[in-house]
């Protein structure tokens, strides 16, 4: 696989971080869009898939921090959990894209996304249960918050992110994962 230059990875990370701020603003007028459509998740996962784990991790930390500083969303009570969840998304998506090599780009992306989404949700749930809401956070609350409410966003990620990745390859903005 051809590699992306560090400068291009930095630029893509900056764009993804900016999108993590802008997408929630764009959807703010839709009731509960943040919890249902998970707009911050899309660019962070994309960054991890395209640029690798260090850049995905960075976007996962900077996205919610900058969004909170600029817009007040997420609020201070939700910010630490969001940082943990999104940082793990970017980290694990990047690691899995490095390790998973099925010979089919879409399969690699979907497996990486599923692993990253599960790891991020587990990390956020554990942080809330053990640190931020110790003794007050149940398994049912975790499932509801991270799987049931966000199901439309999860489906959106599984459909949209492979399409965006393939479009970036087709436009030659990133190298093909598997040269023809």
N, C-alpha and C. Protein backbone atom coordinates (compact mmCIF):
# COMPACT_ATOMS: atom_id res chain seq x y z
N UNK A 1 0.85 -1.18 0.00
CA UNK A 1 0.00 0.00 0.00
C UNK A 1 0.89 1.24 0.00
N UNK A 2 0.53 2.19 -0.82
CA UNK A 2 1.22 3.47 -0.81
C UNK A 2 0.86 4.20 0.47
N UNK A 3 1.77 5.00 0.94
CA UNK A 3 1.53 5.70 2.19
C UNK A 3 1.15 7.15 1.93
N UNK A 4 0.42 7.72 2.87
CA UNK A 4 0.05 9.12 2.82
C UNK A 4 1.12 9.91 3.56
N UNK A 5 1.53 11.02 3.00
CA UNK A 5 2.58 11.83 3.62
C UNK A 5 2.09 12.38 4.97
N UNK A 6 3.01 12.62 5.89
CA UNK A 6 2.62 13.21 7.18
C UNK A 6 1.93 14.57 7.03
N UNK A 7 2.32 15.34 6.04
CA UNK A 7 1.68 16.64 5.82
C UNK A 7 0.23 16.44 5.41
N UNK A 8 -0.02 15.49 4.51
CA UNK A 8 -1.40 15.23 4.07
C UNK A 8 -2.22 14.66 5.24
N UNK A 9 -1.61 13.80 6.05
CA UNK A 9 -2.32 13.26 7.21
C UNK A 9 -2.68 14.38 8.19
N UNK A 10 -1.77 15.32 8.37
CA UNK A 10 -2.04 16.45 9.26
C UNK A 10 -3.18 17.30 8.72
N UNK A 11 -3.18 17.54 7.41
CA UNK A 11 -4.26 18.33 6.80
C UNK A 11 -5.60 17.61 6.92
N UNK A 12 -5.62 16.32 6.66
CA UNK A 12 -6.86 15.54 6.77
C UNK A 12 -7.35 15.54 8.21
N UNK A 13 -6.42 15.41 9.16
CA UNK A 13 -6.78 15.43 10.58
C UNK A 13 -7.38 16.78 10.96
N UNK A 14 -6.82 17.85 10.46
CA UNK A 14 -7.36 19.19 10.74
C UNK A 14 -8.77 19.33 10.17
N UNK A 15 -8.98 18.82 8.96
CA UNK A 15 -10.31 18.88 8.34
C UNK A 15 -11.30 18.04 9.15
N UNK A 16 -10.90 16.84 9.54
CA UNK A 16 -11.80 15.97 10.32
C UNK A 16 -12.11 16.59 11.68
N UNK A 17 -11.12 17.20 12.30
CA UNK A 17 -11.34 17.87 13.59
C UNK A 17 -12.32 19.02 13.42
N UNK A 18 -12.14 19.80 12.36
CA UNK A 18 -13.07 20.90 12.08
C UNK A 18 -14.48 20.36 11.83
N UNK A 19 -14.58 19.26 11.11
CA UNK A 19 -15.90 18.66 10.87
C UNK A 19 -16.55 18.17 12.17
N UNK A 20 -15.73 17.73 13.12
CA UNK A 20 -16.27 17.30 14.42
C UNK A 20 -16.88 18.47 15.18
N UNK A 21 -16.48 19.69 14.84
CA UNK A 21 -17.07 20.89 15.43
C UNK A 21 -18.28 21.34 14.61
N UNK A 22 -18.14 21.34 13.29
CA UNK A 22 -19.15 21.91 12.40
C UNK A 22 -20.39 21.02 12.23
N UNK A 23 -20.21 19.71 12.11
CA UNK A 23 -21.37 18.83 11.87
C UNK A 23 -22.41 18.91 13.00
N UNK A 24 -22.00 18.89 14.28
CA UNK A 24 -23.02 19.04 15.32
C UNK A 24 -23.74 20.39 15.26
N UNK A 25 -23.03 21.45 14.88
CA UNK A 25 -23.66 22.76 14.74
C UNK A 25 -24.71 22.70 13.63
N UNK A 26 -24.36 22.07 12.51
CA UNK A 26 -25.27 21.97 11.37
C UNK A 26 -26.54 21.21 11.73
N UNK A 27 -26.43 20.26 12.64
CA UNK A 27 -27.58 19.43 13.02
C UNK A 27 -28.26 19.90 14.30
N UNK A 28 -27.78 21.00 14.87
CA UNK A 28 -28.28 21.47 16.16
C UNK A 28 -29.78 21.75 16.16
N UNK A 29 -30.32 22.17 15.04
CA UNK A 29 -31.75 22.50 14.99
C UNK A 29 -32.65 21.26 14.98
N UNK A 30 -32.07 20.09 14.75
CA UNK A 30 -32.84 18.84 14.77
C UNK A 30 -32.80 18.29 16.20
N UNK A 31 -33.96 18.04 16.77
CA UNK A 31 -34.04 17.57 18.16
C UNK A 31 -33.26 16.26 18.35
N UNK A 32 -32.39 16.24 19.35
CA UNK A 32 -31.60 15.05 19.72
C UNK A 32 -30.70 14.53 18.61
N UNK A 33 -30.38 15.34 17.62
CA UNK A 33 -29.56 14.89 16.50
C UNK A 33 -28.18 14.40 16.96
N UNK A 34 -27.63 15.06 17.96
CA UNK A 34 -26.31 14.66 18.45
C UNK A 34 -26.31 13.25 19.01
N UNK A 35 -27.32 12.93 19.78
CA UNK A 35 -27.39 11.60 20.41
C UNK A 35 -27.86 10.52 19.44
N UNK A 36 -28.62 10.92 18.43
CA UNK A 36 -29.20 9.95 17.50
C UNK A 36 -28.30 9.74 16.28
N UNK A 37 -27.81 10.84 15.68
CA UNK A 37 -27.03 10.74 14.44
C UNK A 37 -25.51 10.71 14.67
N UNK A 38 -25.07 11.07 15.87
CA UNK A 38 -23.66 10.97 16.27
C UNK A 38 -22.72 11.67 15.29
N UNK A 39 -22.95 12.96 15.05
CA UNK A 39 -22.18 13.65 14.01
C UNK A 39 -20.68 13.79 14.29
N UNK A 40 -20.28 13.82 15.55
CA UNK A 40 -18.84 13.91 15.85
C UNK A 40 -18.12 12.61 15.54
N UNK A 41 -18.83 11.51 15.58
CA UNK A 41 -18.20 10.21 15.39
C UNK A 41 -17.69 10.04 13.96
N UNK A 42 -18.47 10.52 12.99
CA UNK A 42 -18.12 10.32 11.58
C UNK A 42 -16.71 10.81 11.23
N UNK A 43 -16.37 12.07 11.46
CA UNK A 43 -15.04 12.53 11.06
C UNK A 43 -13.91 11.90 11.86
N UNK A 44 -14.15 11.58 13.12
CA UNK A 44 -13.09 10.96 13.93
C UNK A 44 -12.81 9.55 13.42
N UNK A 45 -13.85 8.78 13.16
CA UNK A 45 -13.65 7.44 12.61
C UNK A 45 -12.98 7.51 11.25
N UNK A 46 -13.42 8.43 10.41
CA UNK A 46 -12.80 8.59 9.10
C UNK A 46 -11.32 8.91 9.22
N UNK A 47 -10.98 9.80 10.13
CA UNK A 47 -9.58 10.17 10.35
C UNK A 47 -8.75 8.94 10.73
N UNK A 48 -9.25 8.15 11.65
CA UNK A 48 -8.53 6.93 12.03
C UNK A 48 -8.37 5.97 10.87
N UNK A 49 -9.44 5.78 10.09
CA UNK A 49 -9.38 4.87 8.95
C UNK A 49 -8.37 5.33 7.91
N UNK A 50 -8.35 6.61 7.62
CA UNK A 50 -7.53 7.16 6.54
C UNK A 50 -6.10 7.44 6.99
N UNK A 51 -5.93 8.04 8.15
CA UNK A 51 -4.62 8.56 8.57
C UNK A 51 -3.88 7.68 9.57
N UNK A 52 -4.57 6.74 10.18
CA UNK A 52 -3.92 5.88 11.16
C UNK A 52 -4.21 6.30 12.59
N UNK A 53 -3.75 5.46 13.51
CA UNK A 53 -4.14 5.63 14.92
C UNK A 53 -3.66 6.92 15.58
N UNK A 54 -2.43 7.41 15.34
CA UNK A 54 -2.04 8.63 16.07
C UNK A 54 -2.91 9.82 15.69
N UNK A 55 -3.23 9.91 14.41
CA UNK A 55 -4.03 11.04 13.92
C UNK A 55 -5.49 10.87 14.32
N UNK A 56 -6.00 9.63 14.26
CA UNK A 56 -7.36 9.37 14.71
C UNK A 56 -7.53 9.68 16.18
N UNK A 57 -6.56 9.29 16.98
CA UNK A 57 -6.56 9.58 18.41
C UNK A 57 -6.58 11.10 18.64
N UNK A 58 -5.73 11.81 17.91
CA UNK A 58 -5.66 13.27 18.04
C UNK A 58 -7.00 13.92 17.68
N UNK A 59 -7.60 13.52 16.57
CA UNK A 59 -8.90 14.06 16.17
C UNK A 59 -9.97 13.73 17.21
N UNK A 60 -9.87 12.53 17.80
CA UNK A 60 -10.83 12.12 18.82
C UNK A 60 -10.74 12.93 20.10
N UNK A 61 -9.58 13.45 20.40
CA UNK A 61 -9.41 14.31 21.58
C UNK A 61 -9.74 15.76 21.23
N UNK A 62 -9.17 16.24 20.13
CA UNK A 62 -9.35 17.66 19.78
C UNK A 62 -10.77 18.01 19.36
N UNK A 63 -11.44 17.10 18.65
CA UNK A 63 -12.79 17.39 18.17
C UNK A 63 -13.75 17.81 19.28
N UNK A 64 -13.95 16.97 20.29
CA UNK A 64 -14.88 17.36 21.35
C UNK A 64 -14.37 18.52 22.21
N UNK A 65 -13.05 18.61 22.42
CA UNK A 65 -12.52 19.71 23.23
C UNK A 65 -12.77 21.04 22.52
N UNK A 66 -12.41 21.12 21.24
CA UNK A 66 -12.62 22.37 20.50
C UNK A 66 -14.10 22.69 20.36
N UNK A 67 -14.91 21.67 20.12
CA UNK A 67 -16.35 21.89 20.00
C UNK A 67 -16.91 22.44 21.30
N UNK A 68 -16.47 21.89 22.41
CA UNK A 68 -16.94 22.37 23.71
C UNK A 68 -16.50 23.81 23.96
N UNK A 69 -15.25 24.11 23.62
CA UNK A 69 -14.74 25.48 23.82
C UNK A 69 -15.44 26.49 22.92
N UNK A 70 -15.73 26.09 21.67
CA UNK A 70 -16.31 27.02 20.70
C UNK A 70 -17.82 27.13 20.82
N UNK A 71 -18.49 26.00 21.03
CA UNK A 71 -19.97 25.98 20.99
C UNK A 71 -20.62 25.66 22.32
N UNK A 72 -19.86 25.13 23.27
CA UNK A 72 -20.45 24.68 24.52
C UNK A 72 -21.02 23.27 24.43
N UNK A 73 -20.87 22.63 23.26
CA UNK A 73 -21.34 21.26 23.06
C UNK A 73 -20.13 20.38 22.73
N UNK A 74 -19.92 19.28 23.40
CA UNK A 74 -20.68 18.79 24.54
C UNK A 74 -20.40 19.62 25.78
N UNK A 75 -21.36 19.62 26.66
CA UNK A 75 -21.22 20.34 27.92
C UNK A 75 -20.17 19.70 28.80
N UNK A 76 -19.76 20.43 29.82
CA UNK A 76 -18.68 19.98 30.71
C UNK A 76 -18.95 18.61 31.33
N UNK A 77 -20.20 18.31 31.63
CA UNK A 77 -20.53 17.02 32.25
C UNK A 77 -20.31 15.85 31.29
N UNK A 78 -20.49 16.09 30.00
CA UNK A 78 -20.37 15.02 29.00
C UNK A 78 -19.02 15.00 28.31
N UNK A 79 -18.25 16.06 28.43
CA UNK A 79 -16.99 16.18 27.70
C UNK A 79 -15.99 15.06 28.00
N UNK A 80 -15.70 14.73 29.26
CA UNK A 80 -14.69 13.68 29.50
C UNK A 80 -15.07 12.33 28.86
N UNK A 81 -16.31 11.95 28.97
CA UNK A 81 -16.76 10.70 28.36
C UNK A 81 -16.66 10.73 26.85
N UNK A 82 -17.00 11.88 26.25
CA UNK A 82 -16.90 12.02 24.80
C UNK A 82 -15.44 11.95 24.35
N UNK A 83 -14.55 12.57 25.10
CA UNK A 83 -13.13 12.52 24.75
C UNK A 83 -12.65 11.07 24.76
N UNK A 84 -12.99 10.34 25.80
CA UNK A 84 -12.56 8.95 25.90
C UNK A 84 -13.13 8.13 24.74
N UNK A 85 -14.44 8.25 24.52
CA UNK A 85 -15.10 7.47 23.47
C UNK A 85 -14.51 7.78 22.09
N UNK A 86 -14.41 9.07 21.76
CA UNK A 86 -13.93 9.44 20.43
C UNK A 86 -12.45 9.16 20.25
N UNK A 87 -11.65 9.34 21.30
CA UNK A 87 -10.23 9.03 21.20
C UNK A 87 -10.03 7.54 20.93
N UNK A 88 -10.80 6.71 21.60
CA UNK A 88 -10.70 5.26 21.37
C UNK A 88 -11.18 4.92 19.95
N UNK A 89 -12.23 5.59 19.47
CA UNK A 89 -12.67 5.36 18.08
C UNK A 89 -11.53 5.60 17.10
N UNK A 90 -10.91 6.77 17.19
CA UNK A 90 -9.85 7.11 16.26
C UNK A 90 -8.65 6.18 16.38
N UNK A 91 -8.29 5.87 17.62
CA UNK A 91 -7.17 4.96 17.89
C UNK A 91 -7.42 3.58 17.32
N UNK A 92 -8.54 2.98 17.67
CA UNK A 92 -8.81 1.59 17.29
C UNK A 92 -9.12 1.48 15.79
N UNK A 93 -9.82 2.46 15.22
CA UNK A 93 -10.06 2.43 13.77
C UNK A 93 -8.74 2.42 13.01
N UNK A 94 -7.80 3.26 13.46
CA UNK A 94 -6.50 3.30 12.80
C UNK A 94 -5.70 2.02 12.98
N UNK A 95 -5.71 1.47 14.19
CA UNK A 95 -4.98 0.22 14.43
C UNK A 95 -5.58 -0.94 13.63
N UNK A 96 -6.90 -1.04 13.64
CA UNK A 96 -7.53 -2.15 12.92
C UNK A 96 -7.33 -2.03 11.41
N UNK A 97 -7.36 -0.82 10.87
CA UNK A 97 -7.11 -0.66 9.44
C UNK A 97 -5.68 -1.07 9.09
N UNK A 98 -4.77 -0.92 10.03
CA UNK A 98 -3.39 -1.36 9.80
C UNK A 98 -3.30 -2.89 9.85
N UNK A 99 -4.01 -3.51 10.78
CA UNK A 99 -3.88 -4.94 11.02
C UNK A 99 -4.77 -5.81 10.14
N UNK A 100 -5.96 -5.32 9.81
CA UNK A 100 -6.91 -6.14 9.04
C UNK A 100 -6.61 -5.98 7.55
N UNK A 101 -6.34 -7.10 6.90
CA UNK A 101 -6.01 -7.10 5.46
C UNK A 101 -6.73 -8.29 4.81
N UNK A 102 -7.99 -8.09 4.45
CA UNK A 102 -8.77 -9.17 3.85
C UNK A 102 -8.62 -9.23 2.33
N UNK A 103 -8.05 -8.18 1.75
CA UNK A 103 -7.98 -8.09 0.30
C UNK A 103 -9.16 -7.32 -0.29
N UNK A 104 -10.11 -6.96 0.55
CA UNK A 104 -11.29 -6.20 0.13
C UNK A 104 -11.40 -4.96 1.01
N UNK A 105 -11.28 -3.80 0.39
CA UNK A 105 -11.26 -2.55 1.14
C UNK A 105 -12.51 -2.35 1.98
N UNK A 106 -13.68 -2.60 1.41
CA UNK A 106 -14.93 -2.38 2.15
C UNK A 106 -15.01 -3.30 3.37
N UNK A 107 -14.58 -4.53 3.22
CA UNK A 107 -14.59 -5.47 4.36
C UNK A 107 -13.63 -4.98 5.44
N UNK A 108 -12.44 -4.54 5.04
CA UNK A 108 -11.47 -4.00 6.01
C UNK A 108 -12.08 -2.82 6.77
N UNK A 109 -12.74 -1.92 6.04
CA UNK A 109 -13.34 -0.74 6.65
C UNK A 109 -14.44 -1.14 7.63
N UNK A 110 -15.34 -2.02 7.20
CA UNK A 110 -16.46 -2.41 8.07
C UNK A 110 -15.98 -3.12 9.32
N UNK A 111 -15.02 -4.02 9.19
CA UNK A 111 -14.49 -4.71 10.38
C UNK A 111 -13.79 -3.72 11.31
N UNK A 112 -13.05 -2.78 10.73
CA UNK A 112 -12.37 -1.76 11.54
C UNK A 112 -13.38 -0.87 12.25
N UNK A 113 -14.43 -0.47 11.53
CA UNK A 113 -15.47 0.36 12.13
C UNK A 113 -16.17 -0.37 13.27
N UNK A 114 -16.57 -1.60 13.04
CA UNK A 114 -17.28 -2.35 14.08
C UNK A 114 -16.41 -2.51 15.33
N UNK A 115 -15.14 -2.85 15.13
CA UNK A 115 -14.23 -2.98 16.27
C UNK A 115 -14.03 -1.67 17.01
N UNK A 116 -13.85 -0.58 16.25
CA UNK A 116 -13.63 0.73 16.87
C UNK A 116 -14.88 1.20 17.60
N UNK A 117 -16.04 1.02 16.97
CA UNK A 117 -17.29 1.48 17.61
C UNK A 117 -17.56 0.70 18.89
N UNK A 118 -17.28 -0.58 18.89
CA UNK A 118 -17.48 -1.37 20.10
C UNK A 118 -16.48 -0.98 21.19
N UNK A 119 -15.21 -0.85 20.81
CA UNK A 119 -14.17 -0.48 21.79
C UNK A 119 -14.44 0.90 22.40
N UNK A 120 -14.83 1.86 21.59
CA UNK A 120 -15.11 3.20 22.09
C UNK A 120 -16.29 3.22 23.04
N UNK A 121 -17.32 2.47 22.70
CA UNK A 121 -18.50 2.41 23.56
C UNK A 121 -18.19 1.70 24.88
N UNK A 122 -17.38 0.65 24.82
CA UNK A 122 -16.98 -0.04 26.05
C UNK A 122 -16.14 0.89 26.91
N UNK A 123 -15.18 1.59 26.31
CA UNK A 123 -14.33 2.51 27.07
C UNK A 123 -15.16 3.61 27.72
N UNK A 124 -16.09 4.18 26.97
CA UNK A 124 -16.94 5.25 27.52
C UNK A 124 -17.82 4.72 28.64
N UNK A 125 -18.37 3.53 28.45
CA UNK A 125 -19.21 2.93 29.49
C UNK A 125 -18.43 2.63 30.76
N UNK A 126 -17.24 2.07 30.59
CA UNK A 126 -16.41 1.78 31.77
C UNK A 126 -16.01 3.06 32.49
N UNK A 127 -15.65 4.09 31.74
CA UNK A 127 -15.27 5.36 32.36
C UNK A 127 -16.43 5.94 33.15
N UNK A 128 -17.61 5.87 32.57
CA UNK A 128 -18.77 6.42 33.27
C UNK A 128 -19.10 5.58 34.51
N UNK A 129 -19.08 4.26 34.35
CA UNK A 129 -19.44 3.37 35.46
C UNK A 129 -18.42 3.38 36.59
N UNK A 130 -17.15 3.54 36.25
CA UNK A 130 -16.11 3.45 37.27
C UNK A 130 -15.60 4.79 37.79
N UNK A 131 -15.77 5.86 36.98
CA UNK A 131 -15.19 7.15 37.37
C UNK A 131 -16.25 8.25 37.47
N UNK A 132 -16.93 8.52 36.37
CA UNK A 132 -17.78 9.71 36.28
C UNK A 132 -19.15 9.56 36.93
N UNK A 133 -19.66 8.33 37.01
CA UNK A 133 -20.95 8.10 37.67
C UNK A 133 -20.89 6.79 38.43
N UNK A 134 -19.80 6.59 39.15
CA UNK A 134 -19.57 5.33 39.87
C UNK A 134 -20.76 4.97 40.74
N UNK A 135 -21.25 3.76 40.54
CA UNK A 135 -22.37 3.26 41.33
C UNK A 135 -23.73 3.73 40.86
N UNK A 136 -23.78 4.63 39.90
CA UNK A 136 -25.05 5.17 39.42
C UNK A 136 -25.35 4.80 37.97
N UNK A 137 -24.44 4.10 37.32
CA UNK A 137 -24.57 3.82 35.89
C UNK A 137 -24.81 2.34 35.69
N UNK A 138 -25.90 2.00 35.05
CA UNK A 138 -26.26 0.58 34.88
C UNK A 138 -25.93 0.10 33.47
N UNK A 139 -25.92 -1.21 33.32
CA UNK A 139 -25.72 -1.83 32.02
C UNK A 139 -26.84 -1.42 31.07
N UNK A 140 -28.05 -1.37 31.57
CA UNK A 140 -29.21 -0.97 30.74
C UNK A 140 -29.05 0.48 30.25
N UNK A 141 -28.56 1.35 31.11
CA UNK A 141 -28.35 2.75 30.71
C UNK A 141 -27.27 2.83 29.63
N UNK A 142 -26.23 2.01 29.77
CA UNK A 142 -25.15 1.98 28.78
C UNK A 142 -25.66 1.50 27.42
N UNK A 143 -26.40 0.40 27.43
CA UNK A 143 -26.94 -0.14 26.17
C UNK A 143 -27.86 0.88 25.51
N UNK A 144 -28.72 1.48 26.30
CA UNK A 144 -29.66 2.47 25.75
C UNK A 144 -28.91 3.67 25.17
N UNK A 145 -27.97 4.21 25.92
CA UNK A 145 -27.26 5.42 25.49
C UNK A 145 -26.35 5.16 24.30
N UNK A 146 -25.68 4.02 24.27
CA UNK A 146 -24.65 3.79 23.26
C UNK A 146 -25.07 2.93 22.09
N UNK A 147 -26.19 2.24 22.19
CA UNK A 147 -26.60 1.37 21.09
C UNK A 147 -28.00 1.69 20.58
N UNK A 148 -28.95 1.79 21.48
CA UNK A 148 -30.35 1.97 21.07
C UNK A 148 -30.57 3.38 20.52
N UNK A 149 -30.27 4.38 21.31
CA UNK A 149 -30.50 5.77 20.89
C UNK A 149 -29.68 6.12 19.66
N UNK A 150 -28.45 5.66 19.60
CA UNK A 150 -27.55 5.99 18.50
C UNK A 150 -27.61 5.06 17.31
N UNK A 151 -28.57 4.14 17.27
CA UNK A 151 -28.64 3.18 16.17
C UNK A 151 -28.68 3.85 14.79
N UNK A 152 -29.47 4.91 14.58
CA UNK A 152 -29.43 5.56 13.26
C UNK A 152 -28.02 6.08 12.91
N UNK A 153 -27.32 6.63 13.90
CA UNK A 153 -25.96 7.11 13.66
C UNK A 153 -24.99 5.97 13.36
N UNK A 154 -25.15 4.86 14.06
CA UNK A 154 -24.30 3.69 13.81
C UNK A 154 -24.50 3.20 12.38
N UNK A 155 -25.75 3.10 11.96
CA UNK A 155 -26.04 2.66 10.59
C UNK A 155 -25.50 3.66 9.57
N UNK A 156 -25.63 4.94 9.87
CA UNK A 156 -25.10 5.98 9.00
C UNK A 156 -23.59 5.83 8.84
N UNK A 157 -22.89 5.57 9.94
CA UNK A 157 -21.44 5.38 9.90
C UNK A 157 -21.07 4.17 9.04
N UNK A 158 -21.80 3.08 9.21
CA UNK A 158 -21.48 1.84 8.48
C UNK A 158 -21.75 1.97 6.98
N UNK A 159 -22.67 2.85 6.60
CA UNK A 159 -22.97 3.06 5.18
C UNK A 159 -22.10 4.17 4.59
N UNK A 160 -22.03 5.30 5.28
CA UNK A 160 -21.39 6.48 4.74
C UNK A 160 -19.85 6.40 4.72
N UNK A 161 -19.25 5.90 5.78
CA UNK A 161 -17.79 5.93 5.86
C UNK A 161 -17.10 5.07 4.79
N UNK A 162 -17.57 3.86 4.49
CA UNK A 162 -16.95 3.14 3.36
C UNK A 162 -17.10 3.90 2.04
N UNK A 163 -18.26 4.53 1.83
CA UNK A 163 -18.47 5.30 0.60
C UNK A 163 -17.51 6.49 0.51
N UNK A 164 -17.32 7.20 1.62
CA UNK A 164 -16.41 8.34 1.63
C UNK A 164 -14.97 7.87 1.40
N UNK A 165 -14.59 6.80 2.05
CA UNK A 165 -13.23 6.26 1.89
C UNK A 165 -12.99 5.90 0.42
N UNK A 166 -13.93 5.19 -0.19
CA UNK A 166 -13.79 4.79 -1.59
C UNK A 166 -13.79 6.01 -2.52
N UNK A 167 -14.58 7.03 -2.19
CA UNK A 167 -14.59 8.26 -2.99
C UNK A 167 -13.24 8.98 -2.89
N UNK A 168 -12.64 8.99 -1.71
CA UNK A 168 -11.32 9.60 -1.55
C UNK A 168 -10.27 8.85 -2.37
N UNK A 169 -10.38 7.52 -2.38
CA UNK A 169 -9.48 6.72 -3.21
C UNK A 169 -9.68 7.03 -4.69
N UNK A 170 -10.93 7.03 -5.12
CA UNK A 170 -11.26 7.25 -6.53
C UNK A 170 -10.78 8.63 -6.99
N UNK A 171 -10.90 9.63 -6.12
CA UNK A 171 -10.44 10.99 -6.45
C UNK A 171 -8.93 11.12 -6.31
N UNK A 172 -8.27 10.05 -5.91
CA UNK A 172 -6.81 10.03 -5.71
C UNK A 172 -6.34 10.99 -4.63
N UNK A 173 -7.21 11.25 -3.67
CA UNK A 173 -6.82 12.06 -2.52
C UNK A 173 -6.09 11.22 -1.49
N UNK A 174 -6.36 9.92 -1.52
CA UNK A 174 -5.60 8.96 -0.73
C UNK A 174 -5.25 7.80 -1.66
N UNK A 175 -4.15 7.09 -1.38
CA UNK A 175 -3.79 5.97 -2.25
C UNK A 175 -4.75 4.80 -2.08
N UNK A 176 -4.87 4.02 -3.13
CA UNK A 176 -5.72 2.82 -3.05
C UNK A 176 -5.14 1.86 -2.02
N UNK A 177 -6.01 1.28 -1.24
CA UNK A 177 -5.59 0.31 -0.23
C UNK A 177 -4.99 -0.93 -0.91
N UNK A 178 -5.66 -1.38 -1.94
CA UNK A 178 -5.21 -2.55 -2.71
C UNK A 178 -5.07 -2.13 -4.17
N UNK A 179 -3.84 -1.88 -4.61
CA UNK A 179 -3.66 -1.49 -6.02
C UNK A 179 -4.24 -2.56 -6.94
N UNK A 180 -4.75 -2.09 -8.05
CA UNK A 180 -5.37 -3.02 -9.00
C UNK A 180 -4.36 -3.86 -9.72
